[in-house]
Amino acid sequence: MAAFVGYIVHANDIRFPWALSKGLDIPTGLSPQALWDAVPEAGKWQIMLTVAFFEFWRENSYVLEKDGQTHYMRGGKPGYMPTFDQLPHPVPFNLFDPFGFSKSATPEKKAKGLLAEVNNGRLAMIGIMGFLSEAKVPGSVPGLAGVGIRPYDGDVMAPFDANFHLF
């Protein structure tokens, strides 16, 4: 879902109103895929390592046990993101329910919310693939033809190519 929203934000050239870093001039008028190509290697590593940490933390059985949970493949709660209580540095919120909206929700309401989350995630995956397809082959997604999706002449599937090098 974040990829779908991120694509829309970048496709419309929405930027922070201040410079993010000295010497990092992010061009406008590019497709979101071309913007990724323009990200410096250090930035790509930061993104990849952050995602890798979250994946490691979520799959770690020691961390799950400290939260009173088990891995979802062993009967635990699917989608559960452990708290960061085991880190030496305090983290002000947890990613499973960062604002406590579902803390006092009924089990029925939680089940309905989970179903909505799964369905929204599926729809977002279809949406992002539609955007990527239309950018690569204009006219390939009839609903997006003429909407103004910027074409991309690179290879969005390069990470899945046997000859691909990460950066």
N, C-alpha and C. Protein backbone atom coordinates (compact mmCIF):
# COMPACT_ATOMS: atom_id res chain seq x y z
N MET A 1 0.82 -1.18 0.00
CA MET A 1 0.00 0.00 0.00
C MET A 1 0.87 1.25 0.00
N ALA A 2 2.02 1.16 0.68
CA ALA A 2 2.93 2.31 0.68
C ALA A 2 3.52 2.54 -0.70
N ALA A 3 3.76 1.46 -1.45
CA ALA A 3 4.30 1.60 -2.80
C ALA A 3 3.30 2.31 -3.71
N PHE A 4 2.03 1.97 -3.58
CA PHE A 4 0.99 2.59 -4.39
C PHE A 4 0.90 4.10 -4.10
N VAL A 5 0.83 4.43 -2.83
CA VAL A 5 0.76 5.86 -2.44
C VAL A 5 2.05 6.57 -2.84
N GLY A 6 3.19 5.93 -2.62
CA GLY A 6 4.47 6.53 -3.00
C GLY A 6 4.56 6.79 -4.49
N TYR A 7 4.04 5.86 -5.27
CA TYR A 7 4.05 6.06 -6.72
C TYR A 7 3.25 7.30 -7.08
N ILE A 8 2.06 7.43 -6.51
CA ILE A 8 1.20 8.59 -6.81
C ILE A 8 1.88 9.89 -6.37
N VAL A 9 2.49 9.88 -5.20
CA VAL A 9 3.17 11.08 -4.70
C VAL A 9 4.30 11.48 -5.64
N HIS A 10 5.14 10.53 -6.01
CA HIS A 10 6.28 10.85 -6.88
C HIS A 10 5.85 11.16 -8.30
N ALA A 11 4.82 10.50 -8.79
CA ALA A 11 4.34 10.77 -10.15
C ALA A 11 3.80 12.18 -10.28
N ASN A 12 3.33 12.75 -9.18
CA ASN A 12 2.80 14.11 -9.19
C ASN A 12 3.82 15.14 -8.71
N ASP A 13 5.08 14.74 -8.64
CA ASP A 13 6.19 15.62 -8.23
C ASP A 13 5.95 16.31 -6.90
N ILE A 14 5.33 15.62 -5.96
CA ILE A 14 5.14 16.17 -4.61
C ILE A 14 6.45 15.95 -3.85
N ARG A 15 6.99 17.02 -3.32
CA ARG A 15 8.28 16.98 -2.62
C ARG A 15 8.15 17.68 -1.27
N PHE A 16 9.11 17.39 -0.40
CA PHE A 16 9.21 18.17 0.83
C PHE A 16 9.54 19.60 0.45
N PRO A 17 9.08 20.58 1.22
CA PRO A 17 9.35 21.98 0.87
C PRO A 17 10.76 22.42 1.24
N TRP A 18 11.58 21.55 1.77
CA TRP A 18 12.94 21.89 2.14
C TRP A 18 13.90 20.87 1.54
N ALA A 19 15.16 21.25 1.46
CA ALA A 19 16.18 20.35 0.92
C ALA A 19 16.43 19.23 1.93
N LEU A 20 16.49 18.00 1.44
CA LEU A 20 16.73 16.88 2.34
C LEU A 20 18.19 16.75 2.72
N SER A 21 19.07 17.10 1.83
CA SER A 21 20.48 16.98 2.12
C SER A 21 21.25 17.86 1.14
N LYS A 22 22.36 18.39 1.60
CA LYS A 22 23.17 19.25 0.72
C LYS A 22 23.73 18.43 -0.43
N GLY A 23 23.62 18.99 -1.60
CA GLY A 23 24.18 18.33 -2.78
C GLY A 23 23.27 17.27 -3.38
N LEU A 24 22.14 17.00 -2.75
CA LEU A 24 21.21 16.00 -3.29
C LEU A 24 20.07 16.74 -3.94
N ASP A 25 20.19 16.94 -5.23
CA ASP A 25 19.16 17.63 -5.98
C ASP A 25 18.32 16.59 -6.70
N ILE A 26 17.09 16.41 -6.23
CA ILE A 26 16.21 15.41 -6.82
C ILE A 26 15.49 16.04 -7.99
N PRO A 27 15.64 15.48 -9.18
CA PRO A 27 15.01 16.08 -10.36
C PRO A 27 13.49 15.91 -10.33
N THR A 28 12.80 16.80 -11.02
CA THR A 28 11.35 16.68 -11.16
C THR A 28 11.03 16.29 -12.60
N GLY A 29 9.81 15.86 -12.82
CA GLY A 29 9.39 15.49 -14.17
C GLY A 29 9.78 14.09 -14.58
N LEU A 30 10.32 13.30 -13.65
CA LEU A 30 10.69 11.92 -13.96
C LEU A 30 9.61 10.96 -13.48
N SER A 31 9.58 9.79 -14.05
CA SER A 31 8.68 8.76 -13.54
C SER A 31 9.21 8.28 -12.19
N PRO A 32 8.34 7.72 -11.34
CA PRO A 32 8.82 7.21 -10.06
C PRO A 32 9.94 6.17 -10.20
N GLN A 33 9.87 5.35 -11.27
CA GLN A 33 10.93 4.36 -11.47
C GLN A 33 12.26 5.05 -11.79
N ALA A 34 12.22 6.11 -12.58
CA ALA A 34 13.44 6.84 -12.90
C ALA A 34 13.96 7.58 -11.67
N LEU A 35 13.06 7.99 -10.77
CA LEU A 35 13.52 8.61 -9.52
C LEU A 35 14.29 7.61 -8.68
N TRP A 36 13.84 6.36 -8.65
CA TRP A 36 14.59 5.33 -7.92
C TRP A 36 15.98 5.17 -8.53
N ASP A 37 16.04 5.20 -9.86
CA ASP A 37 17.33 5.09 -10.52
C ASP A 37 18.24 6.26 -10.14
N ALA A 38 17.64 7.43 -9.83
CA ALA A 38 18.42 8.63 -9.49
C ALA A 38 18.84 8.68 -8.01
N VAL A 39 18.29 7.79 -7.18
CA VAL A 39 18.66 7.78 -5.76
C VAL A 39 20.11 7.33 -5.63
N PRO A 40 20.92 8.04 -4.84
CA PRO A 40 22.31 7.61 -4.66
C PRO A 40 22.40 6.22 -4.02
N GLU A 41 23.48 5.54 -4.28
CA GLU A 41 23.65 4.18 -3.78
C GLU A 41 23.53 4.12 -2.25
N ALA A 42 24.07 5.11 -1.55
CA ALA A 42 23.98 5.12 -0.08
C ALA A 42 22.51 5.17 0.37
N GLY A 43 21.68 5.91 -0.32
CA GLY A 43 20.27 5.98 0.01
C GLY A 43 19.57 4.66 -0.21
N LYS A 44 19.92 3.97 -1.30
CA LYS A 44 19.33 2.66 -1.57
C LYS A 44 19.72 1.67 -0.48
N TRP A 45 20.98 1.72 -0.04
CA TRP A 45 21.42 0.83 1.03
C TRP A 45 20.67 1.12 2.32
N GLN A 46 20.43 2.40 2.63
CA GLN A 46 19.69 2.74 3.84
C GLN A 46 18.29 2.15 3.80
N ILE A 47 17.63 2.28 2.67
CA ILE A 47 16.28 1.74 2.52
C ILE A 47 16.29 0.22 2.66
N MET A 48 17.19 -0.44 1.95
CA MET A 48 17.26 -1.91 1.97
C MET A 48 17.58 -2.43 3.38
N LEU A 49 18.52 -1.79 4.06
CA LEU A 49 18.89 -2.26 5.39
C LEU A 49 17.79 -2.00 6.42
N THR A 50 17.05 -0.92 6.28
CA THR A 50 15.92 -0.66 7.18
C THR A 50 14.86 -1.73 7.01
N VAL A 51 14.52 -2.04 5.77
CA VAL A 51 13.53 -3.08 5.51
C VAL A 51 14.05 -4.43 6.01
N ALA A 52 15.33 -4.70 5.80
CA ALA A 52 15.92 -5.96 6.27
C ALA A 52 15.84 -6.07 7.79
N PHE A 53 16.09 -4.96 8.50
CA PHE A 53 15.99 -4.98 9.96
C PHE A 53 14.56 -5.30 10.40
N PHE A 54 13.57 -4.63 9.77
CA PHE A 54 12.18 -4.91 10.14
C PHE A 54 11.83 -6.36 9.89
N GLU A 55 12.28 -6.94 8.79
CA GLU A 55 12.01 -8.35 8.49
C GLU A 55 12.69 -9.25 9.52
N PHE A 56 13.94 -8.95 9.86
CA PHE A 56 14.65 -9.73 10.87
C PHE A 56 13.92 -9.66 12.20
N TRP A 57 13.52 -8.46 12.60
CA TRP A 57 12.87 -8.26 13.90
C TRP A 57 11.53 -9.02 13.95
N ARG A 58 10.79 -8.98 12.87
CA ARG A 58 9.47 -9.61 12.82
C ARG A 58 9.56 -11.13 12.84
N GLU A 59 10.64 -11.68 12.33
CA GLU A 59 10.77 -13.14 12.24
C GLU A 59 11.55 -13.74 13.41
N ASN A 60 12.10 -12.92 14.28
CA ASN A 60 12.98 -13.37 15.36
C ASN A 60 12.16 -14.04 16.47
N SER A 61 12.40 -15.32 16.73
CA SER A 61 11.61 -16.05 17.72
C SER A 61 11.86 -15.54 19.14
N TYR A 62 13.09 -15.10 19.46
CA TYR A 62 13.39 -14.56 20.79
C TYR A 62 12.55 -13.31 21.06
N VAL A 63 12.50 -12.42 20.10
CA VAL A 63 11.74 -11.18 20.24
C VAL A 63 10.24 -11.49 20.37
N LEU A 64 9.75 -12.41 19.55
CA LEU A 64 8.34 -12.79 19.63
C LEU A 64 8.00 -13.40 20.99
N GLU A 65 8.88 -14.26 21.51
CA GLU A 65 8.65 -14.88 22.81
C GLU A 65 8.59 -13.83 23.91
N LYS A 66 9.43 -12.81 23.85
CA LYS A 66 9.43 -11.75 24.86
C LYS A 66 8.13 -10.95 24.82
N ASP A 67 7.45 -10.93 23.67
CA ASP A 67 6.16 -10.25 23.54
C ASP A 67 5.00 -11.20 23.83
N GLY A 68 5.31 -12.45 24.21
CA GLY A 68 4.25 -13.42 24.49
C GLY A 68 3.61 -13.98 23.23
N GLN A 69 4.32 -13.94 22.13
CA GLN A 69 3.80 -14.41 20.85
C GLN A 69 4.67 -15.56 20.33
N THR A 70 4.17 -16.23 19.31
CA THR A 70 4.96 -17.22 18.58
C THR A 70 4.90 -16.84 17.11
N HIS A 71 5.78 -17.45 16.35
CA HIS A 71 5.83 -17.19 14.91
C HIS A 71 4.51 -17.60 14.28
N TYR A 72 4.08 -16.86 13.28
CA TYR A 72 2.78 -17.14 12.64
C TYR A 72 2.73 -18.53 12.00
N MET A 73 3.89 -19.09 11.66
CA MET A 73 3.91 -20.44 11.08
C MET A 73 3.78 -21.51 12.18
N ARG A 74 3.84 -21.07 13.43
CA ARG A 74 3.71 -21.99 14.57
C ARG A 74 2.48 -21.65 15.41
N GLY A 75 1.47 -21.07 14.77
CA GLY A 75 0.23 -20.77 15.47
C GLY A 75 0.12 -19.36 15.99
N GLY A 76 1.09 -18.52 15.70
CA GLY A 76 1.05 -17.14 16.17
C GLY A 76 0.10 -16.28 15.35
N LYS A 77 0.06 -15.01 15.67
CA LYS A 77 -0.85 -14.07 15.02
C LYS A 77 -0.26 -13.58 13.71
N PRO A 78 -0.91 -13.86 12.56
CA PRO A 78 -0.40 -13.37 11.28
C PRO A 78 -0.38 -11.85 11.25
N GLY A 79 0.71 -11.30 10.74
CA GLY A 79 0.83 -9.85 10.62
C GLY A 79 1.32 -9.16 11.87
N TYR A 80 1.56 -9.90 12.94
CA TYR A 80 1.99 -9.28 14.19
C TYR A 80 3.40 -8.73 14.04
N MET A 81 3.58 -7.49 14.41
CA MET A 81 4.90 -6.86 14.43
C MET A 81 5.28 -6.68 15.89
N PRO A 82 6.35 -7.34 16.35
CA PRO A 82 6.73 -7.24 17.76
C PRO A 82 7.07 -5.80 18.16
N THR A 83 6.94 -5.55 19.44
CA THR A 83 7.34 -4.24 19.97
C THR A 83 8.86 -4.14 19.89
N PHE A 84 9.36 -2.98 20.15
CA PHE A 84 10.81 -2.76 20.14
C PHE A 84 11.36 -2.70 21.56
N ASP A 85 10.66 -3.33 22.51
CA ASP A 85 11.08 -3.29 23.92
C ASP A 85 12.44 -3.95 24.15
N GLN A 86 12.86 -4.85 23.29
CA GLN A 86 14.13 -5.55 23.48
C GLN A 86 15.33 -4.75 22.98
N LEU A 87 15.07 -3.63 22.31
CA LEU A 87 16.17 -2.79 21.85
C LEU A 87 16.72 -1.98 23.02
N PRO A 88 18.02 -1.70 23.03
CA PRO A 88 18.58 -0.90 24.12
C PRO A 88 18.14 0.57 24.06
N HIS A 89 17.77 1.05 22.90
CA HIS A 89 17.32 2.43 22.74
C HIS A 89 15.79 2.45 22.74
N PRO A 90 15.17 3.32 23.53
CA PRO A 90 13.70 3.32 23.56
C PRO A 90 13.08 3.77 22.23
N VAL A 91 12.00 3.12 21.85
CA VAL A 91 11.24 3.47 20.66
C VAL A 91 9.85 3.88 21.15
N PRO A 92 9.36 5.06 20.76
CA PRO A 92 8.13 5.59 21.35
C PRO A 92 6.83 4.89 20.96
N PHE A 93 6.83 4.05 19.94
CA PHE A 93 5.60 3.39 19.51
C PHE A 93 5.92 2.03 18.93
N ASN A 94 4.88 1.20 18.79
CA ASN A 94 5.11 -0.08 18.12
C ASN A 94 4.41 -0.03 16.77
N LEU A 95 4.84 -0.86 15.84
CA LEU A 95 4.32 -0.81 14.48
C LEU A 95 3.05 -1.63 14.28
N PHE A 96 2.69 -2.50 15.24
CA PHE A 96 1.49 -3.30 15.07
C PHE A 96 0.24 -2.45 15.25
N ASP A 97 0.25 -1.58 16.25
CA ASP A 97 -0.86 -0.67 16.50
C ASP A 97 -0.27 0.63 17.06
N PRO A 98 0.38 1.42 16.19
CA PRO A 98 1.17 2.55 16.68
C PRO A 98 0.39 3.60 17.48
N PHE A 99 -0.87 3.79 17.19
CA PHE A 99 -1.64 4.83 17.88
C PHE A 99 -2.68 4.25 18.84
N GLY A 100 -2.69 2.93 19.00
CA GLY A 100 -3.60 2.28 19.94
C GLY A 100 -5.06 2.29 19.52
N PHE A 101 -5.32 2.40 18.22
CA PHE A 101 -6.71 2.45 17.75
C PHE A 101 -7.45 1.14 17.99
N SER A 102 -6.76 0.01 17.90
CA SER A 102 -7.47 -1.27 18.05
C SER A 102 -7.29 -1.88 19.43
N LYS A 103 -6.73 -1.11 20.35
CA LYS A 103 -6.48 -1.63 21.70
C LYS A 103 -7.77 -2.10 22.37
N SER A 104 -8.83 -1.32 22.25
CA SER A 104 -10.07 -1.67 22.93
C SER A 104 -11.15 -2.15 21.96
N ALA A 105 -10.77 -2.51 20.75
CA ALA A 105 -11.74 -2.97 19.75
C ALA A 105 -12.19 -4.39 20.07
N THR A 106 -13.41 -4.71 19.69
CA THR A 106 -13.94 -6.05 19.89
C THR A 106 -13.27 -7.01 18.90
N PRO A 107 -13.27 -8.30 19.20
CA PRO A 107 -12.70 -9.27 18.26
C PRO A 107 -13.37 -9.21 16.88
N GLU A 108 -14.68 -8.93 16.83
CA GLU A 108 -15.39 -8.82 15.55
C GLU A 108 -14.87 -7.63 14.75
N LYS A 109 -14.68 -6.52 15.44
CA LYS A 109 -14.18 -5.32 14.76
C LYS A 109 -12.75 -5.54 14.27
N LYS A 110 -11.93 -6.23 15.08
CA LYS A 110 -10.55 -6.53 14.66
C LYS A 110 -10.55 -7.45 13.44
N ALA A 111 -11.43 -8.45 13.42
CA ALA A 111 -11.51 -9.36 12.28
C ALA A 111 -11.95 -8.62 11.02
N LYS A 112 -12.90 -7.72 11.16
CA LYS A 112 -13.36 -6.92 10.02
C LYS A 112 -12.24 -6.01 9.52
N GLY A 113 -11.49 -5.41 10.45
CA GLY A 113 -10.36 -4.56 10.08
C GLY A 113 -9.26 -5.34 9.38
N LEU A 114 -9.00 -6.57 9.85
CA LEU A 114 -7.98 -7.41 9.22
C LEU A 114 -8.38 -7.74 7.79
N LEU A 115 -9.65 -8.09 7.59
CA LEU A 115 -10.12 -8.40 6.24
C LEU A 115 -10.00 -7.17 5.33
N ALA A 116 -10.35 -6.00 5.84
CA ALA A 116 -10.22 -4.77 5.05
C ALA A 116 -8.76 -4.50 4.71
N GLU A 117 -7.86 -4.73 5.67
CA GLU A 117 -6.43 -4.51 5.44
C GLU A 117 -5.90 -5.46 4.36
N VAL A 118 -6.28 -6.72 4.42
CA VAL A 118 -5.84 -7.69 3.43
C VAL A 118 -6.37 -7.32 2.04
N ASN A 119 -7.65 -6.97 1.96
CA ASN A 119 -8.23 -6.60 0.67
C ASN A 119 -7.62 -5.32 0.11
N ASN A 120 -7.38 -4.33 0.97
CA ASN A 120 -6.74 -3.10 0.51
C ASN A 120 -5.32 -3.37 0.03
N GLY A 121 -4.62 -4.28 0.72
CA GLY A 121 -3.27 -4.64 0.29
C GLY A 121 -3.27 -5.31 -1.07
N ARG A 122 -4.24 -6.19 -1.29
CA ARG A 122 -4.34 -6.85 -2.60
C ARG A 122 -4.64 -5.85 -3.70
N LEU A 123 -5.56 -4.95 -3.43
CA LEU A 123 -5.91 -3.92 -4.41
C LEU A 123 -4.72 -3.02 -4.71
N ALA A 124 -3.95 -2.68 -3.69
CA ALA A 124 -2.77 -1.84 -3.89
C ALA A 124 -1.72 -2.56 -4.74
N MET A 125 -1.57 -3.87 -4.55
CA MET A 125 -0.63 -4.63 -5.38
C MET A 125 -1.06 -4.63 -6.85
N ILE A 126 -2.36 -4.80 -7.08
CA ILE A 126 -2.86 -4.74 -8.45
C ILE A 126 -2.63 -3.34 -9.02
N GLY A 127 -2.87 -2.31 -8.21
CA GLY A 127 -2.70 -0.93 -8.65
C GLY A 127 -1.26 -0.60 -9.01
N ILE A 128 -0.32 -0.99 -8.16
CA ILE A 128 1.09 -0.65 -8.45
C ILE A 128 1.57 -1.39 -9.68
N MET A 129 1.13 -2.64 -9.86
CA MET A 129 1.53 -3.37 -11.06
C MET A 129 0.90 -2.76 -12.30
N GLY A 130 -0.32 -2.23 -12.17
CA GLY A 130 -0.94 -1.52 -13.29
C GLY A 130 -0.15 -0.28 -13.67
N PHE A 131 0.27 0.50 -12.67
CA PHE A 131 1.09 1.68 -12.94
C PHE A 131 2.40 1.31 -13.63
N LEU A 132 3.07 0.28 -13.11
CA LEU A 132 4.35 -0.13 -13.69
C LEU A 132 4.17 -0.64 -15.12
N SER A 133 3.09 -1.39 -15.35
CA SER A 133 2.82 -1.91 -16.70
C SER A 133 2.54 -0.78 -17.68
N GLU A 134 1.71 0.17 -17.26
CA GLU A 134 1.36 1.30 -18.14
C GLU A 134 2.58 2.17 -18.43
N ALA A 135 3.47 2.33 -17.46
CA ALA A 135 4.66 3.13 -17.69
C ALA A 135 5.62 2.45 -18.66
N LYS A 136 5.68 1.14 -18.62
CA LYS A 136 6.59 0.40 -19.49
C LYS A 136 6.01 0.20 -20.89
N VAL A 137 4.71 -0.14 -20.96
CA VAL A 137 4.05 -0.38 -22.25
C VAL A 137 2.79 0.49 -22.30
N PRO A 138 2.92 1.72 -22.80
CA PRO A 138 1.75 2.62 -22.84
C PRO A 138 0.58 1.97 -23.57
N GLY A 139 -0.60 2.08 -22.95
CA GLY A 139 -1.80 1.49 -23.52
C GLY A 139 -2.07 0.07 -23.05
N SER A 140 -1.17 -0.51 -22.26
CA SER A 140 -1.35 -1.90 -21.82
C SER A 140 -2.42 -2.04 -20.75
N VAL A 141 -2.73 -0.95 -20.05
CA VAL A 141 -3.78 -0.97 -19.03
C VAL A 141 -4.86 0.00 -19.50
N PRO A 142 -5.94 -0.51 -20.08
CA PRO A 142 -6.94 0.37 -20.69
C PRO A 142 -7.46 1.47 -19.76
N GLY A 143 -7.63 1.19 -18.49
CA GLY A 143 -8.13 2.20 -17.55
C GLY A 143 -7.15 3.32 -17.28
N LEU A 144 -5.89 3.11 -17.59
CA LEU A 144 -4.86 4.12 -17.32
C LEU A 144 -4.38 4.83 -18.59
N ALA A 145 -4.89 4.41 -19.74
CA ALA A 145 -4.48 5.03 -21.01
C ALA A 145 -4.92 6.49 -21.02
N GLY A 146 -4.01 7.37 -21.30
CA GLY A 146 -4.31 8.79 -21.40
C GLY A 146 -4.38 9.51 -20.06
N VAL A 147 -4.05 8.83 -18.97
CA VAL A 147 -4.11 9.46 -17.65
C VAL A 147 -2.87 10.32 -17.40
N GLY A 148 -1.82 10.10 -18.14
CA GLY A 148 -0.61 10.88 -17.98
C GLY A 148 0.49 10.17 -17.20
N ILE A 149 0.48 8.86 -17.23
CA ILE A 149 1.54 8.11 -16.57
C ILE A 149 2.81 8.27 -17.41
N ARG A 150 3.86 8.75 -16.76
CA ARG A 150 5.12 8.98 -17.47
C ARG A 150 5.75 7.66 -17.90
N PRO A 151 6.20 7.59 -19.13
CA PRO A 151 6.84 6.34 -19.59
C PRO A 151 8.20 6.15 -18.91
N TYR A 152 8.59 4.90 -18.83
CA TYR A 152 9.88 4.53 -18.23
C TYR A 152 10.59 3.59 -19.18
N ASP A 153 11.80 3.95 -19.58
CA ASP A 153 12.52 3.12 -20.54
C ASP A 153 13.53 2.19 -19.87
N GLY A 154 13.59 2.19 -18.55
CA GLY A 154 14.48 1.28 -17.83
C GLY A 154 13.84 -0.09 -17.69
N ASP A 155 14.40 -0.91 -16.81
CA ASP A 155 13.89 -2.26 -16.61
C ASP A 155 13.47 -2.43 -15.16
N VAL A 156 12.15 -2.33 -14.88
CA VAL A 156 11.66 -2.45 -13.51
C VAL A 156 11.83 -3.88 -12.98
N MET A 157 11.98 -4.84 -13.84
CA MET A 157 12.14 -6.23 -13.41
C MET A 157 13.61 -6.63 -13.29
N ALA A 158 14.51 -5.67 -13.38
CA ALA A 158 15.94 -5.96 -13.29
C ALA A 158 16.33 -6.73 -12.03
N PRO A 159 15.73 -6.46 -10.86
CA PRO A 159 16.13 -7.24 -9.68
C PRO A 159 15.85 -8.73 -9.80
N PHE A 160 14.99 -9.13 -10.74
CA PHE A 160 14.66 -10.53 -10.92
C PHE A 160 15.43 -11.17 -12.07
N ASP A 161 16.33 -10.41 -12.67
CA ASP A 161 17.16 -10.89 -13.77
C ASP A 161 18.36 -11.61 -13.19
N ALA A 162 18.75 -12.72 -13.80
CA ALA A 162 19.88 -13.51 -13.30
C ALA A 162 21.19 -12.71 -13.36
N ASN A 163 21.30 -11.74 -14.25
CA ASN A 163 22.54 -10.95 -14.38
C ASN A 163 22.48 -9.66 -13.59
N PHE A 164 21.47 -9.51 -12.71
CA PHE A 164 21.28 -8.25 -11.98
C PHE A 164 22.31 -8.11 -10.87
N HIS A 165 22.81 -6.89 -10.72
CA HIS A 165 23.67 -6.53 -9.60
C HIS A 165 22.90 -5.49 -8.81
N LEU A 166 22.81 -5.66 -7.49
CA LEU A 166 21.92 -4.86 -6.65
C LEU A 166 22.00 -3.38 -6.94
N PHE A 167 23.17 -2.83 -7.13
CA PHE A 167 23.26 -1.39 -7.35
C PHE A 167 24.11 -1.10 -8.54
